[in-house]
C-alpha atoms as a PDB file:
ATOM      1  CA  MET A   1     -37.478 -48.410  19.296  1.00  0.00           C
ATOM      2  CA  ILE A   2     -37.229 -46.047  22.252  1.00  0.00           C
ATOM      3  CA  THR A   3     -33.968 -46.391  24.166  1.00  0.00           C
ATOM      4  CA  LEU A   4     -33.477 -46.140  27.915  1.00  0.00           C
ATOM      5  CA  SER A   5     -31.590 -42.865  27.524  1.00  0.00           C
ATOM      6  CA  GLN A   6     -34.484 -41.390  25.535  1.00  0.00           C
ATOM      7  CA  LEU A   7     -36.951 -42.452  28.237  1.00  0.00           C
ATOM      8  CA  TYR A   8     -34.757 -40.836  30.882  1.00  0.00           C
ATOM      9  CA  TYR A   9     -34.568 -37.642  28.831  1.00  0.00           C
ATOM     10  CA  VAL A  10     -38.370 -37.462  28.553  1.00  0.00           C
ATOM     11  CA  TYR A  11     -38.822 -38.245  32.256  1.00  0.00           C
ATOM     12  CA  ALA A  12     -36.261 -35.621  33.299  1.00  0.00           C
ATOM     13  CA  ALA A  13     -37.738 -32.988  30.994  1.00  0.00           C
ATOM     14  CA  VAL A  14     -41.356 -33.566  32.051  1.00  0.00           C
ATOM     15  CA  SER A  15     -40.624 -33.806  35.771  1.00  0.00           C
ATOM     16  CA  LEU A  16     -38.294 -30.797  35.786  1.00  0.00           C
ATOM     17  CA  LEU A  17     -40.637 -28.561  33.802  1.00  0.00           C
ATOM     18  CA  THR A  18     -43.556 -29.619  36.006  1.00  0.00           C
ATOM     19  CA  ILE A  19     -41.631 -28.735  39.157  1.00  0.00           C
ATOM     20  CA  VAL A  20     -40.220 -25.429  37.874  1.00  0.00           C
ATOM     21  CA  PHE A  21     -43.392 -24.120  36.277  1.00  0.00           C
ATOM     22  CA  GLY A  22     -45.679 -25.518  38.973  1.00  0.00           C
ATOM     23  CA  CYS A  23     -43.698 -23.851  41.747  1.00  0.00           C
ATOM     24  CA  SER A  24     -43.285 -20.676  39.683  1.00  0.00           C
ATOM     25  CA  ILE A  25     -47.048 -20.451  39.161  1.00  0.00           C
ATOM     26  CA  ALA A  26     -47.553 -20.840  42.913  1.00  0.00           C
ATOM     27  CA  ILE A  27     -45.049 -18.028  43.513  1.00  0.00           C
ATOM     28  CA  ASN A  28     -46.813 -15.905  40.858  1.00  0.00           C
ATOM     29  CA  CYS A  29     -50.123 -16.417  42.669  1.00  0.00           C
ATOM     30  CA  ARG A  30     -48.598 -15.299  45.950  1.00  0.00           C
ATOM     31  CA  GLN A  31     -47.139 -12.253  44.203  1.00  0.00           C
ATOM     32  CA  VAL A  32     -50.485 -11.277  42.686  1.00  0.00           C
ATOM     33  CA  LEU A  33     -52.309 -11.761  45.986  1.00  0.00           C
ATOM     34  CA  SER A  34     -49.672  -9.628  47.730  1.00  0.00           C
ATOM     35  CA  ALA A  35     -49.811  -6.804  45.167  1.00  0.00           C
ATOM     36  CA  PRO A  36     -52.508  -4.816  47.078  1.00  0.00           C
ATOM     37  CA  LEU A  37     -49.970  -4.347  49.880  1.00  0.00           C
ATOM     38  CA  LEU A  38     -48.373  -1.700  47.674  1.00  0.00           C
ATOM     39  CA  LEU A  39     -51.407   0.512  48.295  1.00  0.00           C
ATOM     40  CA  LEU A  40     -50.835   0.278  52.040  1.00  0.00           C
ATOM     41  CA  SER A  41     -47.073   0.248  52.432  1.00  0.00           C
ATOM     42  CA  ARG A  42     -44.217   0.063  49.951  1.00  0.00           C
ATOM     43  CA  HIS A  43     -42.011  -1.501  52.640  1.00  0.00           C
ATOM     44  CA  ARG A  44     -44.497  -4.283  53.436  1.00  0.00           C
ATOM     45  CA  TYR A  45     -44.948  -4.951  49.727  1.00  0.00           C
ATOM     46  CA  ARG A  46     -41.199  -5.233  49.114  1.00  0.00           C
ATOM     47  CA  THR A  47     -40.780  -7.444  52.172  1.00  0.00           C
ATOM     48  CA  GLU A  48     -43.353  -9.869  50.771  1.00  0.00           C
ATOM     49  CA  MET A  49     -41.805  -9.806  47.286  1.00  0.00           C
ATOM     50  CA  ARG A  50     -38.407 -10.569  48.808  1.00  0.00           C
ATOM     51  CA  LYS A  51     -39.917 -13.622  50.500  1.00  0.00           C
ATOM     52  CA  CYS A  52     -41.231 -14.753  47.110  1.00  0.00           C
ATOM     53  CA  GLN A  53     -37.803 -14.189  45.611  1.00  0.00           C
ATOM     54  CA  GLY A  54     -36.262 -16.247  48.386  1.00  0.00           C
ATOM     55  CA  LEU A  55     -38.625 -19.100  47.527  1.00  0.00           C
ATOM     56  CA  PHE A  56     -37.531 -18.998  43.888  1.00  0.00           C
ATOM     57  CA  GLY A  57     -33.879 -18.952  44.938  1.00  0.00           C
ATOM     58  CA  SER A  58     -34.491 -22.072  47.035  1.00  0.00           C
ATOM     59  CA  LEU A  59     -36.256 -23.681  44.055  1.00  0.00           C
ATOM     60  CA  ILE A  60     -33.128 -23.081  41.954  1.00  0.00           C
ATOM     61  CA  LEU A  61     -31.007 -24.819  44.586  1.00  0.00           C
ATOM     62  CA  TYR A  62     -33.444 -27.768  44.784  1.00  0.00           C
ATOM     63  CA  VAL A  63     -33.517 -28.249  41.007  1.00  0.00           C
ATOM     64  CA  THR A  64     -29.722 -28.074  40.768  1.00  0.00           C
ATOM     65  CA  PHE A  65     -29.274 -30.596  43.587  1.00  0.00           C
ATOM     66  CA  PHE A  66     -31.534 -33.214  41.998  1.00  0.00           C
ATOM     67  CA  TYR A  67     -30.981 -32.634  38.271  1.00  0.00           C
ATOM     68  CA  ALA A  68     -27.523 -31.106  37.802  1.00  0.00           C
ATOM     69  CA  PRO A  69     -25.447 -31.476  40.993  1.00  0.00           C
ATOM     70  CA  LEU A  70     -22.139 -29.641  41.108  1.00  0.00           C
ATOM     71  CA  ASP A  71     -19.653 -27.751  43.230  1.00  0.00           C
ATOM     72  CA  ILE A  72     -19.174 -23.995  42.995  1.00  0.00           C
ATOM     73  CA  ILE A  73     -15.607 -23.026  43.852  1.00  0.00           C
ATOM     74  CA  LEU A  74     -14.989 -19.424  44.887  1.00  0.00           C
ATOM     75  CA  THR A  75     -11.513 -17.910  44.864  1.00  0.00           C
ATOM     76  CA  GLY A  76     -10.293 -14.368  45.368  1.00  0.00           C
ATOM     77  CA  ASP A  77     -11.684 -11.576  47.523  1.00  0.00           C
ATOM     78  CA  HIS A  78     -15.222 -12.744  48.334  1.00  0.00           C
ATOM     79  CA  ASP A  79     -15.461 -12.406  52.133  1.00  0.00           C
ATOM     80  CA  GLY A  80     -17.200  -9.022  51.823  1.00  0.00           C
ATOM     81  CA  LEU A  81     -20.182 -10.569  50.021  1.00  0.00           C
ATOM     82  CA  THR A  82     -22.660 -10.583  52.890  1.00  0.00           C
ATOM     83  CA  SER A  83     -26.445 -10.357  52.922  1.00  0.00           C
ATOM     84  CA  GLU A  84     -26.442  -7.083  54.870  1.00  0.00           C
ATOM     85  CA  LYS A  85     -24.464  -5.118  52.267  1.00  0.00           C
ATOM     86  CA  SER A  86     -25.546  -3.743  48.895  1.00  0.00           C
ATOM     87  CA  VAL A  87     -23.111  -4.567  46.095  1.00  0.00           C
ATOM     88  CA  VAL A  88     -22.841  -4.447  42.319  1.00  0.00           C
ATOM     89  CA  ILE A  89     -21.577  -7.596  40.594  1.00  0.00           C
ATOM     90  CA  MET A  90     -20.313  -7.714  37.028  1.00  0.00           C
ATOM     91  CA  ALA A  91     -19.577 -11.030  35.335  1.00  0.00           C
ATOM     92  CA  ASN A  92     -18.553 -12.544  32.036  1.00  0.00           C
ATOM     93  CA  HIS A  93     -21.453 -14.275  30.271  1.00  0.00           C
ATOM     94  CA  GLN A  94     -20.729 -17.757  28.917  1.00  0.00           C
ATOM     95  CA  ILE A  95     -24.011 -19.698  29.054  1.00  0.00           C
ATOM     96  CA  TYR A  96     -27.642 -18.781  29.650  1.00  0.00           C
ATOM     97  CA  THR A  97     -27.602 -20.246  33.166  1.00  0.00           C
ATOM     98  CA  ASP A  98     -24.760 -18.048  34.475  1.00  0.00           C
ATOM     99  CA  TRP A  99     -27.348 -16.062  36.448  1.00  0.00           C
ATOM    100  CA  TRP A 100     -28.769 -19.319  37.837  1.00  0.00           C
ATOM    101  CA  TYR A 101     -25.438 -20.273  39.402  1.00  0.00           C
ATOM    102  CA  ILE A 102     -24.833 -16.772  40.720  1.00  0.00           C
ATOM    103  CA  TRP A 103     -28.245 -16.990  42.418  1.00  0.00           C
ATOM    104  CA  ILE A 104     -26.976 -20.160  44.162  1.00  0.00           C
ATOM    105  CA  ILE A 105     -23.964 -18.195  45.414  1.00  0.00           C
ATOM    106  CA  CYS A 106     -26.444 -15.645  46.760  1.00  0.00           C
ATOM    107  CA  TRP A 107     -28.313 -18.466  48.528  1.00  0.00           C
ATOM    108  CA  PHE A 108     -25.164 -19.640  50.300  1.00  0.00           C
ATOM    109  CA  ARG A 109     -24.578 -16.062  51.480  1.00  0.00           C
ATOM    110  CA  ASN A 110     -28.234 -15.746  52.587  1.00  0.00           C
ATOM    111  CA  ALA A 111     -28.666 -13.020  49.964  1.00  0.00           C
ATOM    112  CA  HIS A 112     -31.006 -14.846  47.562  1.00  0.00           C
ATOM    113  CA  CYS A 113     -33.723 -12.292  48.402  1.00  0.00           C
ATOM    114  CA  ASN A 114     -31.399  -9.421  47.449  1.00  0.00           C
ATOM    115  CA  LEU A 115     -30.627 -10.228  43.817  1.00  0.00           C
ATOM    116  CA  LYS A 116     -31.570  -7.876  40.991  1.00  0.00           C
ATOM    117  CA  ILE A 117     -30.496  -8.718  37.441  1.00  0.00           C
ATOM    118  CA  MET A 118     -30.115  -6.430  34.440  1.00  0.00           C
ATOM    119  CA  LEU A 119     -31.788  -8.248  31.516  1.00  0.00           C
ATOM    120  CA  LYS A 120     -32.830  -7.621  27.941  1.00  0.00           C
ATOM    121  CA  ALA A 121     -36.357  -6.214  27.739  1.00  0.00           C
ATOM    122  CA  SER A 122     -37.874  -9.110  25.765  1.00  0.00           C
ATOM    123  CA  LEU A 123     -37.530 -11.444  28.781  1.00  0.00           C
ATOM    124  CA  ARG A 124     -40.210  -9.467  30.595  1.00  0.00           C
ATOM    125  CA  PHE A 125     -42.802 -11.058  28.311  1.00  0.00           C
ATOM    126  CA  LEU A 126     -41.916 -14.678  29.088  1.00  0.00           C
ATOM    127  CA  PRO A 127     -44.998 -16.400  30.521  1.00  0.00           C
ATOM    128  CA  ILE A 128     -44.777 -17.082  34.262  1.00  0.00           C
ATOM    129  CA  LEU A 129     -41.026 -16.432  34.653  1.00  0.00           C
ATOM    130  CA  GLY A 130     -41.238 -12.965  33.106  1.00  0.00           C
ATOM    131  CA  TRP A 131     -44.140 -12.071  35.389  1.00  0.00           C
ATOM    132  CA  GLY A 132     -42.156 -13.184  38.426  1.00  0.00           C
ATOM    133  CA  MET A 133     -39.088 -11.181  37.405  1.00  0.00           C
ATOM    134  CA  THR A 134     -41.274  -8.099  36.970  1.00  0.00           C
ATOM    135  CA  PHE A 135     -42.526  -8.455  40.550  1.00  0.00           C
ATOM    136  CA  PHE A 136     -38.918  -8.946  41.671  1.00  0.00           C
ATOM    137  CA  GLU A 137     -38.231  -5.558  40.021  1.00  0.00           C
ATOM    138  CA  PHE A 138     -35.449  -6.793  37.784  1.00  0.00           C
ATOM    139  CA  LEU A 139     -34.125  -4.226  35.303  1.00  0.00           C
ATOM    140  CA  PHE A 140     -35.326  -4.825  31.733  1.00  0.00           C
ATOM    141  CA  MET A 141     -33.178  -2.927  29.248  1.00  0.00           C
ATOM    142  CA  ALA A 142     -33.960  -2.107  25.609  1.00  0.00           C
ATOM    143  CA  ARG A 143     -30.254  -1.631  24.749  1.00  0.00           C
ATOM    144  CA  LYS A 144     -30.984   1.895  23.604  1.00  0.00           C
ATOM    145  CA  TRP A 145     -29.774   4.511  26.072  1.00  0.00           C
ATOM    146  CA  SER A 146     -32.517   7.039  25.330  1.00  0.00           C
ATOM    147  CA  LYS A 147     -35.038   4.432  26.546  1.00  0.00           C
ATOM    148  CA  ASP A 148     -32.893   2.766  29.183  1.00  0.00           C
ATOM    149  CA  LYS A 149     -31.764   5.906  31.007  1.00  0.00           C
ATOM    150  CA  PRO A 150     -35.165   6.692  32.608  1.00  0.00           C
ATOM    151  CA  THR A 151     -35.715   2.975  33.328  1.00  0.00           C
ATOM    152  CA  LEU A 152     -32.403   2.734  35.145  1.00  0.00           C
ATOM    153  CA  GLN A 153     -32.885   5.985  37.047  1.00  0.00           C
ATOM    154  CA  PHE A 154     -36.392   5.078  38.196  1.00  0.00           C
ATOM    155  CA  ASN A 155     -35.595   1.521  39.287  1.00  0.00           C
ATOM    156  CA  LEU A 156     -32.326   2.186  41.083  1.00  0.00           C
ATOM    157  CA  THR A 157     -33.566   5.354  42.790  1.00  0.00           C
ATOM    158  CA  ARG A 158     -36.575   3.375  44.018  1.00  0.00           C
ATOM    159  CA  ALA A 159     -34.297   0.562  45.207  1.00  0.00           C
ATOM    160  CA  LYS A 160     -32.148   3.041  47.156  1.00  0.00           C
ATOM    161  CA  ASN A 161     -35.212   4.573  48.767  1.00  0.00           C
ATOM    162  CA  ASP A 162     -36.374   1.130  49.928  1.00  0.00           C
ATOM    163  CA  LYS A 163     -33.361   0.993  52.278  1.00  0.00           C
ATOM    164  CA  LEU A 164     -33.058  -2.752  51.671  1.00  0.00           C
ATOM    165  CA  PRO A 165     -29.844  -4.494  50.568  1.00  0.00           C
ATOM    166  CA  ILE A 166     -29.524  -5.357  46.878  1.00  0.00           C
ATOM    167  CA  TRP A 167     -27.061  -7.390  44.853  1.00  0.00           C
ATOM    168  CA  LEU A 168     -27.232  -5.931  41.355  1.00  0.00           C
ATOM    169  CA  LEU A 169     -25.934  -8.334  38.692  1.00  0.00           C
ATOM    170  CA  ILE A 170     -24.794  -6.942  35.331  1.00  0.00           C
ATOM    171  CA  PHE A 171     -23.293  -8.734  32.326  1.00  0.00           C
ATOM    172  CA  PRO A 172     -21.427  -5.938  30.472  1.00  0.00           C
ATOM    173  CA  GLU A 173     -20.941  -8.104  27.369  1.00  0.00           C
ATOM    174  CA  GLY A 174     -24.717  -7.966  26.861  1.00  0.00           C
ATOM    175  CA  THR A 175     -25.000 -11.528  25.539  1.00  0.00           C
ATOM    176  CA  VAL A 176     -23.401 -14.959  25.835  1.00  0.00           C
ATOM    177  CA  ILE A 177     -20.147 -15.644  24.018  1.00  0.00           C
ATOM    178  CA  THR A 178     -20.522 -17.824  20.919  1.00  0.00           C
ATOM    179  CA  ASP A 179     -18.610 -18.085  17.660  1.00  0.00           C
ATOM    180  CA  ASP A 180     -21.158 -15.722  16.117  1.00  0.00           C
ATOM    181  CA  THR A 181     -21.145 -13.084  18.879  1.00  0.00           C
ATOM    182  CA  ARG A 182     -17.339 -13.241  19.074  1.00  0.00           C
ATOM    183  CA  SER A 183     -17.089 -12.534  15.339  1.00  0.00           C
ATOM    184  CA  LYS A 184     -19.535  -9.628  15.634  1.00  0.00           C
ATOM    185  CA  SER A 185     -17.639  -8.206  18.607  1.00  0.00           C
ATOM    186  CA  GLN A 186     -14.318  -8.393  16.780  1.00  0.00           C
ATOM    187  CA  ALA A 187     -15.823  -6.881  13.621  1.00  0.00           C
ATOM    188  CA  TYR A 188     -17.183  -3.969  15.657  1.00  0.00           C
ATOM    189  CA  ALA A 189     -13.794  -3.495  17.321  1.00  0.00           C
ATOM    190  CA  LYS A 190     -12.084  -3.341  13.940  1.00  0.00           C
ATOM    191  CA  LYS A 191     -14.641  -0.846  12.630  1.00  0.00           C
ATOM    192  CA  ALA A 192     -14.248   1.338  15.731  1.00  0.00           C
ATOM    193  CA  ASP A 193     -10.432   1.123  15.576  1.00  0.00           C
ATOM    194  CA  ILE A 194     -10.225  -0.790  18.863  1.00  0.00           C
ATOM    195  CA  SER A 195      -7.203  -3.053  19.248  1.00  0.00           C
ATOM    196  CA  ASP A 196      -8.784  -5.383  21.840  1.00  0.00           C
ATOM    197  CA  ASN A 197      -8.997  -8.952  20.542  1.00  0.00           C
ATOM    198  CA  PRO A 198      -9.968 -11.297  23.402  1.00  0.00           C
ATOM    199  CA  ASP A 199     -10.744 -14.977  22.761  1.00  0.00           C
ATOM    200  CA  ASN A 200     -12.712 -15.935  25.877  1.00  0.00           C
ATOM    201  CA  VAL A 201     -14.808 -12.798  26.449  1.00  0.00           C
ATOM    202  CA  LEU A 202     -16.567 -10.190  24.337  1.00  0.00           C
ATOM    203  CA  ILE A 203     -15.746  -6.481  24.309  1.00  0.00           C
ATOM    204  CA  PRO A 204     -17.919  -5.018  27.096  1.00  0.00           C
ATOM    205  CA  ARG A 205     -20.220  -2.005  27.000  1.00  0.00           C
ATOM    206  CA  SER A 206     -19.893   0.292  29.969  1.00  0.00           C
ATOM    207  CA  THR A 207     -22.963   2.550  29.944  1.00  0.00           C
ATOM    208  CA  GLY A 208     -25.306   0.405  32.053  1.00  0.00           C
ATOM    209  CA  LEU A 209     -22.652  -0.514  34.593  1.00  0.00           C
ATOM    210  CA  TYR A 210     -21.223   2.992  34.926  1.00  0.00           C
ATOM    211  CA  ASN A 211     -24.595   4.655  35.444  1.00  0.00           C
ATOM    212  CA  SER A 212     -25.710   1.948  37.874  1.00  0.00           C
ATOM    213  CA  LEU A 213     -22.640   2.549  40.018  1.00  0.00           C
ATOM    214  CA  LEU A 214     -23.239   6.288  39.806  1.00  0.00           C
ATOM    215  CA  LEU A 215     -26.913   6.045  40.789  1.00  0.00           C
ATOM    216  CA  LEU A 216     -26.245   3.718  43.719  1.00  0.00           C
ATOM    217  CA  GLN A 217     -23.695   6.046  45.331  1.00  0.00           C
ATOM    218  CA  PRO A 218     -23.031   6.311  48.236  1.00  0.00           C
ATOM    219  CA  ASP A 219     -24.988   3.215  49.338  1.00  0.00           C
ATOM    220  CA  VAL A 220     -22.803   0.806  47.357  1.00  0.00           C
ATOM    221  CA  GLU A 221     -19.111   0.936  48.201  1.00  0.00           C
ATOM    222  CA  TYR A 222     -17.679  -1.924  46.144  1.00  0.00           C
ATOM    223  CA  LEU A 223     -17.885  -3.411  42.670  1.00  0.00           C
ATOM    224  CA  TYR A 224     -17.318  -7.176  42.614  1.00  0.00           C
ATOM    225  CA  ASP A 225     -15.950  -8.684  39.419  1.00  0.00           C
ATOM    226  CA  PHE A 226     -16.851 -12.368  38.867  1.00  0.00           C
ATOM    227  CA  THR A 227     -14.817 -14.331  36.320  1.00  0.00           C
ATOM    228  CA  ILE A 228     -16.678 -17.584  35.647  1.00  0.00           C
ATOM    229  CA  GLY A 229     -15.082 -20.747  34.283  1.00  0.00           C
ATOM    230  CA  TYR A 230     -16.702 -24.148  33.698  1.00  0.00           C
ATOM    231  CA  SER A 231     -14.935 -27.470  34.198  1.00  0.00           C
ATOM    232  CA  GLY A 232     -14.691 -29.984  31.380  1.00  0.00           C
ATOM    233  CA  LEU A 233     -13.801 -27.429  28.694  1.00  0.00           C
ATOM    234  CA  ALA A 234     -10.660 -26.653  26.722  1.00  0.00           C
ATOM    235  CA  GLU A 235      -9.694 -23.088  25.792  1.00  0.00           C
ATOM    236  CA  HIS A 236     -11.260 -23.096  22.345  1.00  0.00           C
ATOM    237  CA  ASP A 237     -14.455 -24.928  23.340  1.00  0.00           C
ATOM    238  CA  CYS A 238     -17.604 -22.818  23.249  1.00  0.00           C
ATOM    239  CA  PRO A 239     -19.350 -23.077  26.660  1.00  0.00           C
ATOM    240  CA  TYR A 240     -22.686 -22.151  25.058  1.00  0.00           C
ATOM    241  CA  ASP A 241     -22.446 -25.147  22.700  1.00  0.00           C
ATOM    242  CA  MET A 242     -20.987 -27.572  25.249  1.00  0.00           C
ATOM    243  CA  TYR A 243     -23.453 -26.819  28.054  1.00  0.00           C
ATOM    244  CA  PRO A 244     -26.865 -25.919  26.598  1.00  0.00           C
ATOM    245  CA  THR A 245     -29.652 -25.795  29.179  1.00  0.00           C
ATOM    246  CA  THR A 246     -31.341 -28.983  27.919  1.00  0.00           C
ATOM    247  CA  LYS A 247     -28.104 -30.972  28.138  1.00  0.00           C
ATOM    248  CA  VAL A 248     -27.374 -29.703  31.641  1.00  0.00           C
ATOM    249  CA  PHE A 249     -30.783 -30.365  33.204  1.00  0.00           C
ATOM    250  CA  PHE A 250     -32.518 -32.949  31.005  1.00  0.00           C
ATOM    251  CA  GLU A 251     -29.512 -35.187  30.314  1.00  0.00           C
ATOM    252  CA  GLY A 252     -27.533 -34.552  33.497  1.00  0.00           C
ATOM    253  CA  ARG A 253     -24.404 -33.743  31.492  1.00  0.00           C
ATOM    254  CA  GLY A 254     -23.582 -30.330  32.871  1.00  0.00           C
ATOM    255  CA  PRO A 255     -20.353 -29.081  34.438  1.00  0.00           C
ATOM    256  CA  LYS A 256     -19.278 -30.839  37.625  1.00  0.00           C
ATOM    257  CA  GLN A 257     -17.548 -27.726  38.882  1.00  0.00           C
ATOM    258  CA  ILE A 258     -18.080 -24.016  38.360  1.00  0.00           C
ATOM    259  CA  HIS A 259     -15.136 -21.822  39.270  1.00  0.00           C
ATOM    260  CA  VAL A 260     -15.786 -18.178  40.151  1.00  0.00           C
ATOM    261  CA  HIS A 261     -12.831 -15.864  40.725  1.00  0.00           C
ATOM    262  CA  VAL A 262     -13.736 -12.680  42.595  1.00  0.00           C
ATOM    263  CA  ASP A 263     -11.946  -9.339  42.394  1.00  0.00           C
ATOM    264  CA  LYS A 264     -13.157  -6.391  44.468  1.00  0.00           C
ATOM    265  CA  PHE A 265     -12.834  -2.704  43.563  1.00  0.00           C
ATOM    266  CA  LYS A 266     -13.643   0.338  45.667  1.00  0.00           C
ATOM    267  CA  ILE A 267     -15.886   2.383  43.397  1.00  0.00           C
ATOM    268  CA  VAL A 268     -14.491   5.811  44.317  1.00  0.00           C
ATOM    269  CA  THR A 269     -11.057   4.727  43.047  1.00  0.00           C
ATOM    270  CA  LEU A 270     -12.346   3.835  39.570  1.00  0.00           C
ATOM    271  CA  PRO A 271     -11.959   6.159  36.567  1.00  0.00           C
ATOM    272  CA  GLY A 272     -14.967   8.433  36.182  1.00  0.00           C
ATOM    273  CA  PHE A 273     -15.782   8.622  39.893  1.00  0.00           C
ATOM    274  CA  ALA A 274     -14.807  11.182  42.528  1.00  0.00           C
ATOM    275  CA  ILE A 275     -11.551  10.116  44.148  1.00  0.00           C
ATOM    276  CA  ALA A 276     -11.817   9.731  47.902  1.00  0.00           C
ATOM    277  CA  GLU A 277      -9.229  11.477  50.017  1.00  0.00           C
ATOM    278  CA  GLY A 278      -6.036   9.431  50.054  1.00  0.00           C
ATOM    279  CA  ALA A 279      -7.380   6.900  47.541  1.00  0.00           C
ATOM    280  CA  GLU A 280      -5.290   5.901  44.552  1.00  0.00           C
ATOM    281  CA  SER A 281      -7.029   6.111  41.190  1.00  0.00           C
ATOM    282  CA  GLU A 282      -6.645   3.281  38.695  1.00  0.00           C
ATOM    283  CA  THR A 283      -6.918   5.698  35.778  1.00  0.00           C
ATOM    284  CA  LYS A 284      -3.159   5.519  35.156  1.00  0.00           C
ATOM    285  CA  ALA A 285      -3.462   2.002  33.772  1.00  0.00           C
ATOM    286  CA  VAL A 286      -6.015   2.998  31.133  1.00  0.00           C
ATOM    287  CA  GLU A 287      -5.095   3.419  27.486  1.00  0.00           C
ATOM    288  CA  GLY A 288      -6.762   3.148  24.084  1.00  0.00           C
ATOM    289  CA  ASN A 289      -9.846   4.671  22.473  1.00  0.00           C
ATOM    290  CA  PRO A 290     -13.340   4.844  24.000  1.00  0.00           C
ATOM    291  CA  MET A 291     -16.266   3.157  22.282  1.00  0.00           C
ATOM    292  CA  ASP A 292     -19.031   5.166  20.652  1.00  0.00           C
ATOM    293  CA  GLY A 293     -21.913   6.023  22.966  1.00  0.00           C
ATOM    294  CA  ASP A 294     -20.109   5.303  26.249  1.00  0.00           C
ATOM    295  CA  THR A 295     -21.213   7.675  29.008  1.00  0.00           C
ATOM    296  CA  ASN A 296     -17.736   7.969  30.509  1.00  0.00           C
ATOM    297  CA  PRO A 297     -14.744   7.254  28.224  1.00  0.00           C
ATOM    298  CA  GLU A 298     -12.277   6.734  31.083  1.00  0.00           C
ATOM    299  CA  PHE A 299     -14.466   4.138  32.763  1.00  0.00           C
ATOM    300  CA  SER A 300     -15.109   2.462  29.406  1.00  0.00           C
ATOM    301  CA  LEU A 301     -11.383   2.013  28.855  1.00  0.00           C
ATOM    302  CA  TRP A 302     -10.892   0.687  32.383  1.00  0.00           C
ATOM    303  CA  LEU A 303     -13.695  -1.845  31.878  1.00  0.00           C
ATOM    304  CA  ARG A 304     -12.210  -3.055  28.608  1.00  0.00           C
ATOM    305  CA  LYS A 305      -8.872  -3.494  30.355  1.00  0.00           C
ATOM    306  CA  ARG A 306     -10.576  -5.567  33.045  1.00  0.00           C
ATOM    307  CA  PHE A 307     -12.134  -7.839  30.431  1.00  0.00           C
ATOM    308  CA  LEU A 308      -8.757  -8.341  28.776  1.00  0.00           C
ATOM    309  CA  GLU A 309      -7.475  -9.392  32.195  1.00  0.00           C
ATOM    310  CA  LYS A 310     -10.466 -11.734  32.530  1.00  0.00           C
ATOM    311  CA  ASP A 311      -9.532 -13.194  29.151  1.00  0.00           C
ATOM    312  CA  GLN A 312      -6.053 -13.960  30.501  1.00  0.00           C
ATOM    313  CA  LEU A 313      -7.540 -15.453  33.672  1.00  0.00           C
ATOM    314  CA  LEU A 314      -9.685 -17.770  31.568  1.00  0.00           C
ATOM    315  CA  ARG A 315      -6.680 -18.827  29.489  1.00  0.00           C
ATOM    316  CA  GLN A 316      -4.917 -19.813  32.708  1.00  0.00           C
ATOM    317  CA  PHE A 317      -8.064 -21.560  33.907  1.00  0.00           C
ATOM    318  CA  TYR A 318      -8.359 -23.697  30.783  1.00  0.00           C
ATOM    319  CA  LYS A 319      -4.661 -24.568  31.049  1.00  0.00           C
ATOM    320  CA  HIS A 320      -4.544 -25.431  34.765  1.00  0.00           C
ATOM    321  CA  GLY A 321      -8.194 -26.236  35.598  1.00  0.00           C
ATOM    322  CA  SER A 322      -8.477 -23.603  38.313  1.00  0.00           C
ATOM    323  CA  PHE A 323      -8.174 -19.894  39.034  1.00  0.00           C
ATOM    324  CA  PRO A 324      -5.509 -18.397  41.322  1.00  0.00           C
ATOM    325  CA  GLU A 325      -6.562 -18.461  44.946  1.00  0.00           C
ATOM    326  CA  GLN A 326      -5.952 -14.752  45.530  1.00  0.00           C
ATOM    327  CA  SER A 327      -7.391 -11.624  43.904  1.00  0.00           C
ATOM    328  CA  HIS A 328      -5.456  -8.947  41.998  1.00  0.00           C
ATOM    329  CA  GLU A 329      -4.660  -7.362  45.387  1.00  0.00           C
ATOM    330  CA  GLY A 330      -3.273 -10.586  46.840  1.00  0.00           C
ATOM    331  CA  ILE A 331      -6.357 -11.154  49.009  1.00  0.00           C
ATOM    332  CA  GLY A 332      -8.500 -14.234  49.103  1.00  0.00           C
ATOM    333  CA  LYS A 333      -9.085 -17.868  49.817  1.00  0.00           C
ATOM    334  CA  ARG A 334     -10.758 -20.918  48.309  1.00  0.00           C
ATOM    335  CA  GLU A 335     -14.323 -21.782  49.298  1.00  0.00           C
ATOM    336  CA  VAL A 336     -16.394 -24.704  48.003  1.00  0.00           C
ATOM    337  CA  MET A 337     -20.187 -24.445  47.818  1.00  0.00           C
ATOM    338  CA  SER A 338     -21.450 -27.984  47.254  1.00  0.00           C
ATOM    339  CA  VAL A 339     -24.837 -28.568  45.613  1.00  0.00           C
ATOM    340  CA  ALA A 340     -24.509 -32.334  45.310  1.00  0.00           C
END
């Protein structure tokens, strides 16, 4: 006998998929019809694609409001995140929909047309959604630097030449944190003689982030570090297992709050970059051994240190249910973005 909860699950799944894929197909059609603009003017083409991207960002907000309402709580140094500025955002990766919620943050800052995401190459071939992301000029990476270097150089140089603001989102861990990926990360660290042993994050890779920051100079002044925590979890819970996409959107049992703590770093003060006159480098705090294949060892060590600090932030979050209101520099405030 079919239960009421099963009927609701089927209804939610069918209606949600119909809305998402129906609207996405409509956006795809507009993208295809607008493609000839590229022959006339790159600027007009990008302007139209940004409008399409804005439509998809609004779709994300609509779906969240009706199927998985929540509050996004920002703390730390986030006032500089404005639609007129180009920024690079790095974040820890806990569940597949992390990018979805960051896109909502972009929407509230009127920057949902600006977002570019660094993704694994296989996602390009997803029907409908993969086509849309290709038109949005997201960065599809093969996780092999010999292949990814020209991809990164071409896409980010083109983005700079467009003279349009971008918010580039990068997940340095490369995948979501699960029991399996945590074990693999720790095994690699042991093999590479790395002492890092975080519980709530994976050991990050720096090559994509470092070269993105390098290529976007001098247009991008700041790197924003998002530490994401989900309500309803204890420290040793696995977010990926507790909040799978089907449970969040089909069953309505997703997090009620998403906490995002923001730290801001001036890029020219980071290890591996030219130090601006009078600026204080953070290289002094770096110690340990670089990972194999990292483009810049000093930056790699700094990034690993940041992720160890994120691990500590998440431990505090799971203990107290919130992040500190201020950033590492003592700057910041609490802001609630309600999608409910």
